[in-house]
Amino acid sequence: MKKSYVIVAVVVLIGLFCCCGFCCKKGAKIAVVDVQRVVAQARPVVDLRQEMQNKVGSLQEWVNASNAEIDKASSQEKKDELTKKYQGELAQKQQVIQQDYATKLQQLDAEITKIIEETAKSEGFGVVLIKASVVAGGVDITDKVIARLPK
């Protein structure tokens, strides 16, 4: 199993070196971006995380209230009925939150990618690589990307 990963890694590296050699011969400049740092400093991402924490907190309050109502039920039959009801509602609420989060995350990813592309283009770079995947070389444009992020 490990051999196949090594083979894939070698093929990818050979392709990268060929591509980079081709790009460099054509005069393309290569930039690198620390995407993790960009995401960590992107205000919309911070806001989305806070929004999710608020929604999870509200959901936890709802679960606590539901559990309290179940505990107050007079019979085991009523407890079972309420438990089933609230489990269904919980699953539905979780799904809505997850779908909303996924949609917003995709939008943010597209916005950040667009900012990276625009920054690279304005700086004259033809290729942008993720900094974590580059051992050496390339011009780091991370700070310039961060400067273009919405405040």
C-alpha atoms as a PDB file:
ATOM      1  CA  MET A   1       0.000   0.000   0.000  1.00  0.00           C
ATOM      2  CA  LYS A   2       2.832   2.408   0.871  1.00  0.00           C
ATOM      3  CA  LYS A   3       4.535   1.643  -2.454  1.00  0.00           C
ATOM      4  CA  SER A   4       1.549   2.993  -4.386  1.00  0.00           C
ATOM      5  CA  TYR A   5       1.680   6.272  -2.427  1.00  0.00           C
ATOM      6  CA  VAL A   6       5.396   6.596  -3.155  1.00  0.00           C
ATOM      7  CA  ILE A   7       4.830   5.931  -6.854  1.00  0.00           C
ATOM      8  CA  VAL A   8       2.024   8.498  -7.005  1.00  0.00           C
ATOM      9  CA  ALA A   9       4.184  11.052  -5.168  1.00  0.00           C
ATOM     10  CA  VAL A  10       7.091  10.494  -7.583  1.00  0.00           C
ATOM     11  CA  VAL A  11       4.806  10.833 -10.621  1.00  0.00           C
ATOM     12  CA  VAL A  12       3.303  14.042  -9.221  1.00  0.00           C
ATOM     13  CA  LEU A  13       6.765  15.481  -8.505  1.00  0.00           C
ATOM     14  CA  ILE A  14       7.998  14.619 -11.990  1.00  0.00           C
ATOM     15  CA  GLY A  15       4.904  16.267 -13.472  1.00  0.00           C
ATOM     16  CA  LEU A  16       5.426  19.320 -11.267  1.00  0.00           C
ATOM     17  CA  PHE A  17       9.064  19.656 -12.276  1.00  0.00           C
ATOM     18  CA  CYS A  18       8.172  19.282 -15.958  1.00  0.00           C
ATOM     19  CA  CYS A  19       5.373  21.814 -15.645  1.00  0.00           C
ATOM     20  CA  CYS A  20       7.533  24.233 -13.694  1.00  0.00           C
ATOM     21  CA  GLY A  21      10.341  23.840 -16.184  1.00  0.00           C
ATOM     22  CA  PHE A  22       7.938  24.531 -19.026  1.00  0.00           C
ATOM     23  CA  CYS A  23       6.411  27.522 -17.234  1.00  0.00           C
ATOM     24  CA  CYS A  24       9.792  28.976 -16.340  1.00  0.00           C
ATOM     25  CA  LYS A  25      10.981  28.694 -19.951  1.00  0.00           C
ATOM     26  CA  LYS A  26       7.940  30.676 -21.019  1.00  0.00           C
ATOM     27  CA  GLY A  27       8.730  33.324 -18.401  1.00  0.00           C
ATOM     28  CA  ALA A  28       5.941  32.532 -15.935  1.00  0.00           C
ATOM     29  CA  LYS A  29       6.676  33.594 -12.391  1.00  0.00           C
ATOM     30  CA  ILE A  30       5.717  31.279  -9.551  1.00  0.00           C
ATOM     31  CA  ALA A  31       4.057  32.495  -6.354  1.00  0.00           C
ATOM     32  CA  VAL A  32       3.322  30.629  -3.149  1.00  0.00           C
ATOM     33  CA  VAL A  33       0.512  31.282  -0.680  1.00  0.00           C
ATOM     34  CA  ASP A  34       0.167  30.122   2.925  1.00  0.00           C
ATOM     35  CA  VAL A  35      -3.517  29.257   2.611  1.00  0.00           C
ATOM     36  CA  GLN A  36      -3.854  28.271   6.261  1.00  0.00           C
ATOM     37  CA  ARG A  37      -2.658  31.706   7.348  1.00  0.00           C
ATOM     38  CA  VAL A  38      -4.961  33.416   4.848  1.00  0.00           C
ATOM     39  CA  VAL A  39      -7.972  31.450   6.098  1.00  0.00           C
ATOM     40  CA  ALA A  40      -7.050  32.075   9.746  1.00  0.00           C
ATOM     41  CA  GLN A  41      -6.976  35.833   9.143  1.00  0.00           C
ATOM     42  CA  ALA A  42      -9.993  36.091   6.852  1.00  0.00           C
ATOM     43  CA  ARG A  43     -12.686  38.034   8.721  1.00  0.00           C
ATOM     44  CA  PRO A  44     -15.566  36.219   6.961  1.00  0.00           C
ATOM     45  CA  VAL A  45     -14.127  32.872   8.114  1.00  0.00           C
ATOM     46  CA  VAL A  46     -13.824  34.144  11.691  1.00  0.00           C
ATOM     47  CA  ASP A  47     -17.420  35.408  11.475  1.00  0.00           C
ATOM     48  CA  LEU A  48     -18.640  32.069  10.110  1.00  0.00           C
ATOM     49  CA  ARG A  49     -16.924  30.189  12.941  1.00  0.00           C
ATOM     50  CA  GLN A  50     -18.579  32.506  15.470  1.00  0.00           C
ATOM     51  CA  GLU A  51     -21.949  32.061  13.787  1.00  0.00           C
ATOM     52  CA  MET A  52     -21.545  28.279  13.963  1.00  0.00           C
ATOM     53  CA  GLN A  53     -20.588  28.443  17.651  1.00  0.00           C
ATOM     54  CA  ASN A  54     -23.713  30.522  18.310  1.00  0.00           C
ATOM     55  CA  LYS A  55     -25.917  28.054  16.416  1.00  0.00           C
ATOM     56  CA  VAL A  56     -24.399  25.086  18.248  1.00  0.00           C
ATOM     57  CA  GLY A  57     -24.917  26.901  21.558  1.00  0.00           C
ATOM     58  CA  SER A  58     -28.562  27.571  20.698  1.00  0.00           C
ATOM     59  CA  LEU A  59     -29.003  23.964  19.653  1.00  0.00           C
ATOM     60  CA  GLN A  60     -27.490  22.795  22.939  1.00  0.00           C
ATOM     61  CA  GLU A  61     -29.961  24.998  24.844  1.00  0.00           C
ATOM     62  CA  TRP A  62     -32.795  23.473  22.826  1.00  0.00           C
ATOM     63  CA  VAL A  63     -31.530  19.952  23.614  1.00  0.00           C
ATOM     64  CA  ASN A  64     -31.339  20.800  27.327  1.00  0.00           C
ATOM     65  CA  ALA A  65     -34.906  22.168  27.291  1.00  0.00           C
ATOM     66  CA  SER A  66     -36.102  19.092  25.394  1.00  0.00           C
ATOM     67  CA  ASN A  67     -34.404  16.761  27.866  1.00  0.00           C
ATOM     68  CA  ALA A  68     -35.999  18.654  30.748  1.00  0.00           C
ATOM     69  CA  GLU A  69     -39.419  18.225  29.160  1.00  0.00           C
ATOM     70  CA  ILE A  70     -38.774  14.511  28.627  1.00  0.00           C
ATOM     71  CA  ASP A  71     -37.723  14.126  32.271  1.00  0.00           C
ATOM     72  CA  LYS A  72     -40.954  15.768  33.407  1.00  0.00           C
ATOM     73  CA  ALA A  73     -43.125  13.344  31.432  1.00  0.00           C
ATOM     74  CA  SER A  74     -45.368  11.303  33.684  1.00  0.00           C
ATOM     75  CA  SER A  75     -45.132   7.919  31.985  1.00  0.00           C
ATOM     76  CA  GLN A  76     -42.430   5.958  30.203  1.00  0.00           C
ATOM     77  CA  GLU A  77     -44.674   5.838  27.135  1.00  0.00           C
ATOM     78  CA  LYS A  78     -44.848   9.651  27.054  1.00  0.00           C
ATOM     79  CA  LYS A  79     -41.051   9.871  27.579  1.00  0.00           C
ATOM     80  CA  ASP A  80     -40.470   7.517  24.654  1.00  0.00           C
ATOM     81  CA  GLU A  81     -42.879   9.511  22.474  1.00  0.00           C
ATOM     82  CA  LEU A  82     -41.162  12.820  23.312  1.00  0.00           C
ATOM     83  CA  THR A  83     -37.705  11.306  22.850  1.00  0.00           C
ATOM     84  CA  LYS A  84     -38.609  10.061  19.380  1.00  0.00           C
ATOM     85  CA  LYS A  85     -40.149  13.434  18.485  1.00  0.00           C
ATOM     86  CA  TYR A  86     -37.128  15.425  19.672  1.00  0.00           C
ATOM     87  CA  GLN A  87     -34.611  13.078  18.059  1.00  0.00           C
ATOM     88  CA  GLY A  88     -36.282  13.697  14.698  1.00  0.00           C
ATOM     89  CA  GLU A  89     -36.318  17.454  15.255  1.00  0.00           C
ATOM     90  CA  LEU A  90     -32.680  17.395  16.361  1.00  0.00           C
ATOM     91  CA  ALA A  91     -31.600  15.513  13.245  1.00  0.00           C
ATOM     92  CA  GLN A  92     -33.485  18.011  11.089  1.00  0.00           C
ATOM     93  CA  LYS A  93     -31.968  21.019  12.890  1.00  0.00           C
ATOM     94  CA  GLN A  94     -28.456  19.550  12.621  1.00  0.00           C
ATOM     95  CA  GLN A  95     -28.902  18.917   8.907  1.00  0.00           C
ATOM     96  CA  VAL A  96     -30.043  22.499   8.296  1.00  0.00           C
ATOM     97  CA  ILE A  97     -27.050  23.866  10.221  1.00  0.00           C
ATOM     98  CA  GLN A  98     -24.608  21.595   8.381  1.00  0.00           C
ATOM     99  CA  GLN A  99     -26.021  22.461   4.953  1.00  0.00           C
ATOM    100  CA  ASP A 100     -25.938  26.178   5.732  1.00  0.00           C
ATOM    101  CA  TYR A 101     -22.334  25.887   6.943  1.00  0.00           C
ATOM    102  CA  ALA A 102     -21.250  23.898   3.885  1.00  0.00           C
ATOM    103  CA  THR A 103     -22.854  26.419   1.530  1.00  0.00           C
ATOM    104  CA  LYS A 104     -21.252  29.394   3.257  1.00  0.00           C
ATOM    105  CA  LEU A 105     -17.888  27.618   3.406  1.00  0.00           C
ATOM    106  CA  GLN A 106     -18.005  26.968  -0.351  1.00  0.00           C
ATOM    107  CA  GLN A 107     -18.778  30.637  -0.962  1.00  0.00           C
ATOM    108  CA  LEU A 108     -15.872  31.721   1.233  1.00  0.00           C
ATOM    109  CA  ASP A 109     -13.551  29.275  -0.506  1.00  0.00           C
ATOM    110  CA  ALA A 110     -14.527  30.730  -3.873  1.00  0.00           C
ATOM    111  CA  GLU A 111     -14.030  34.297  -2.602  1.00  0.00           C
ATOM    112  CA  ILE A 112     -10.603  33.523  -1.141  1.00  0.00           C
ATOM    113  CA  THR A 113      -9.553  31.678  -4.302  1.00  0.00           C
ATOM    114  CA  LYS A 114     -10.645  34.680  -6.379  1.00  0.00           C
ATOM    115  CA  ILE A 115      -8.623  37.043  -4.172  1.00  0.00           C
ATOM    116  CA  ILE A 116      -5.565  34.796  -4.527  1.00  0.00           C
ATOM    117  CA  GLU A 117      -6.001  34.676  -8.320  1.00  0.00           C
ATOM    118  CA  GLU A 118      -6.467  38.452  -8.573  1.00  0.00           C
ATOM    119  CA  THR A 119      -3.448  39.120  -6.366  1.00  0.00           C
ATOM    120  CA  ALA A 120      -1.270  36.765  -8.384  1.00  0.00           C
ATOM    121  CA  LYS A 121      -2.416  38.287 -11.664  1.00  0.00           C
ATOM    122  CA  SER A 122      -1.846  41.867 -10.478  1.00  0.00           C
ATOM    123  CA  GLU A 123       1.651  40.906  -9.311  1.00  0.00           C
ATOM    124  CA  GLY A 124       2.464  39.212 -12.623  1.00  0.00           C
ATOM    125  CA  PHE A 125       2.491  35.592 -11.481  1.00  0.00           C
ATOM    126  CA  GLY A 126       1.392  32.854 -13.842  1.00  0.00           C
ATOM    127  CA  VAL A 127       1.451  30.023 -11.306  1.00  0.00           C
ATOM    128  CA  VAL A 128       0.396  29.943  -7.639  1.00  0.00           C
ATOM    129  CA  LEU A 129       1.214  26.985  -5.416  1.00  0.00           C
ATOM    130  CA  ILE A 130       0.241  26.208  -1.844  1.00  0.00           C
ATOM    131  CA  LYS A 131       3.232  27.135   0.282  1.00  0.00           C
ATOM    132  CA  ALA A 132       3.053  23.961   2.386  1.00  0.00           C
ATOM    133  CA  SER A 133       3.656  21.842  -0.732  1.00  0.00           C
ATOM    134  CA  VAL A 134       6.744  23.769  -1.869  1.00  0.00           C
ATOM    135  CA  VAL A 135      10.138  22.932  -0.416  1.00  0.00           C
ATOM    136  CA  ALA A 136      11.925  25.938  -1.878  1.00  0.00           C
ATOM    137  CA  GLY A 137      11.373  28.695  -4.372  1.00  0.00           C
ATOM    138  CA  GLY A 138       8.482  30.847  -5.419  1.00  0.00           C
ATOM    139  CA  VAL A 139       7.627  34.322  -4.203  1.00  0.00           C
ATOM    140  CA  ASP A 140       5.412  34.408  -1.120  1.00  0.00           C
ATOM    141  CA  ILE A 141       2.352  36.599  -1.768  1.00  0.00           C
ATOM    142  CA  THR A 142       0.508  35.625   1.425  1.00  0.00           C
ATOM    143  CA  ASP A 143       0.707  39.086   3.008  1.00  0.00           C
ATOM    144  CA  LYS A 144      -0.565  40.724  -0.172  1.00  0.00           C
ATOM    145  CA  VAL A 145      -3.505  38.319  -0.276  1.00  0.00           C
ATOM    146  CA  ILE A 146      -4.288  38.990   3.404  1.00  0.00           C
ATOM    147  CA  ALA A 147      -4.217  42.742   2.724  1.00  0.00           C
ATOM    148  CA  ARG A 148      -6.962  42.268   0.100  1.00  0.00           C
ATOM    149  CA  LEU A 149      -9.269  40.298   2.398  1.00  0.00           C
ATOM    150  CA  PRO A 150     -12.508  41.960   3.520  1.00  0.00           C
ATOM    151  CA  LYS A 151     -12.147  43.626   6.892  1.00  0.00           C
END
